[in-house]
Protein backbone atom coordinates (compact mmCIF):
# COMPACT_ATOMS: atom_id res chain seq x y z
CA UNK A 1 126.95 -96.03 39.76
CA UNK A 2 128.73 -99.34 40.35
CA UNK A 3 131.69 -99.42 42.70
CA UNK A 4 134.01 -102.34 43.10
CA UNK A 5 135.27 -103.36 46.50
CA UNK A 6 138.90 -102.54 47.02
CA UNK A 7 141.33 -105.19 48.26
CA UNK A 8 143.26 -102.54 50.17
CA UNK A 9 142.63 -101.14 53.60
CA UNK A 10 144.62 -97.94 53.20
CA UNK A 11 143.46 -94.79 54.87
CA UNK A 12 142.76 -91.96 52.44
CA UNK A 13 145.57 -89.87 53.92
CA UNK A 14 148.28 -92.56 53.63
CA UNK A 15 151.35 -91.76 51.54
CA UNK A 16 152.02 -95.39 50.66
CA UNK A 17 149.82 -98.43 50.67
CA UNK A 18 150.34 -102.17 50.41
CA UNK A 19 148.28 -103.27 47.45
CA UNK A 20 148.15 -107.04 47.46
CA UNK A 21 146.49 -109.27 44.95
CA UNK A 22 143.09 -110.64 46.00
CA UNK A 23 144.03 -113.93 44.34
CA UNK A 24 145.65 -116.46 46.64
CA UNK A 25 147.49 -118.60 44.12
CA UNK A 26 150.81 -118.58 42.39
CA UNK A 27 151.66 -119.65 38.87
CA UNK A 28 153.41 -122.88 39.98
CA UNK A 29 150.42 -123.81 42.15
CA UNK A 30 148.02 -123.13 39.29
CA UNK A 31 150.18 -125.15 36.87
CA UNK A 32 150.32 -128.02 39.34
CA UNK A 33 146.52 -128.01 39.68
CA UNK A 34 146.12 -127.97 35.89
CA UNK A 35 148.51 -130.94 35.58
CA UNK A 36 146.59 -132.84 38.26
CA UNK A 37 143.27 -132.24 36.48
CA UNK A 38 144.84 -133.25 33.16
CA UNK A 39 146.22 -136.48 34.66
CA UNK A 40 142.84 -137.27 36.18
CA UNK A 41 141.03 -136.81 32.85
CA UNK A 42 143.66 -138.81 30.95
CA UNK A 43 143.43 -141.57 33.55
CA UNK A 44 139.66 -141.73 33.15
CA UNK A 45 139.99 -141.92 29.37
CA UNK A 46 142.61 -144.66 29.75
CA UNK A 47 140.32 -146.71 32.01
CA UNK A 48 137.39 -146.28 29.62
CA UNK A 49 139.53 -147.42 26.67
CA UNK A 50 140.75 -150.47 28.61
CA UNK A 51 137.16 -151.41 29.47
CA UNK A 52 136.00 -150.87 25.88
CA UNK A 53 138.87 -153.02 24.59
CA UNK A 54 138.01 -155.78 27.04
CA UNK A 55 134.34 -155.70 26.07
CA UNK A 56 135.29 -155.85 22.39
CA UNK A 57 137.53 -158.87 22.99
CA UNK A 58 134.85 -160.65 25.02
CA UNK A 59 132.10 -159.95 22.48
CA UNK A 60 134.26 -160.68 19.43
CA UNK A 61 132.63 -164.08 19.04
CA UNK A 62 135.74 -165.67 17.58
CA UNK A 63 136.14 -163.02 14.88
CA UNK A 64 139.84 -162.50 14.34
CA UNK A 65 139.28 -159.02 12.89
CA UNK A 66 137.30 -157.86 15.94
CA UNK A 67 139.93 -159.24 18.34
CA UNK A 68 142.71 -157.56 16.35
CA UNK A 69 140.83 -154.25 16.43
CA UNK A 70 140.35 -154.52 20.20
CA UNK A 71 144.03 -155.35 20.65
CA UNK A 72 144.97 -152.29 18.59
CA UNK A 73 142.78 -150.12 20.82
CA UNK A 74 144.35 -151.65 23.92
CA UNK A 75 147.89 -151.20 22.60
CA UNK A 76 147.20 -147.61 21.54
CA UNK A 77 145.76 -146.71 24.93
CA UNK A 78 148.75 -148.21 26.77
CA UNK A 79 151.20 -146.37 24.50
CA UNK A 80 149.20 -143.16 25.00
CA UNK A 81 149.27 -143.37 28.80
CA UNK A 82 153.01 -144.09 28.74
CA UNK A 83 153.59 -141.01 26.56
CA UNK A 84 151.48 -138.84 28.88
CA UNK A 85 153.31 -140.08 31.97
CA UNK A 86 156.73 -139.52 30.39
CA UNK A 87 155.72 -136.04 29.16
CA UNK A 88 154.57 -135.17 32.68
CA UNK A 89 157.87 -136.34 34.12
CA UNK A 90 159.80 -134.25 31.60
CA UNK A 91 157.69 -131.15 32.29
CA UNK A 92 158.14 -131.53 36.04
CA UNK A 93 161.89 -132.01 35.65
CA UNK A 94 162.16 -128.91 33.50
CA UNK A 95 159.96 -127.05 36.00
CA UNK A 96 162.33 -128.01 38.81
CA UNK A 97 165.26 -126.44 36.93
CA UNK A 98 163.50 -123.10 36.27
CA UNK A 99 163.84 -120.75 39.26
CA UNK A 100 160.55 -120.10 40.99
CA UNK A 101 158.80 -123.16 39.64
CA UNK A 102 159.72 -125.54 42.42
CA UNK A 103 156.00 -126.01 43.06
CA UNK A 104 155.80 -128.36 40.08
CA UNK A 105 157.89 -131.02 41.77
């Protein structure tokens, strides 16, 4: 028989017991951690795209098509990071308006 450990320390004869969650996080804290991880990953992708664009420009060898393609990649990555930053600002502003989600600020 498998028994799970109980998070409570109530005596068997108690009429009421404080049952608290074994998890020590709240939804705003969890959301904030998810946003931080997301921003970190997006930042890494942005840096990789910038480096790739730079390498493409350097190794283009005077080819106008290759330089244009690298510039498109660079422009797209800059636009993408701007959109992500603005979306994060909007989400955090909305989170600050919702009661109980002040942890997103």
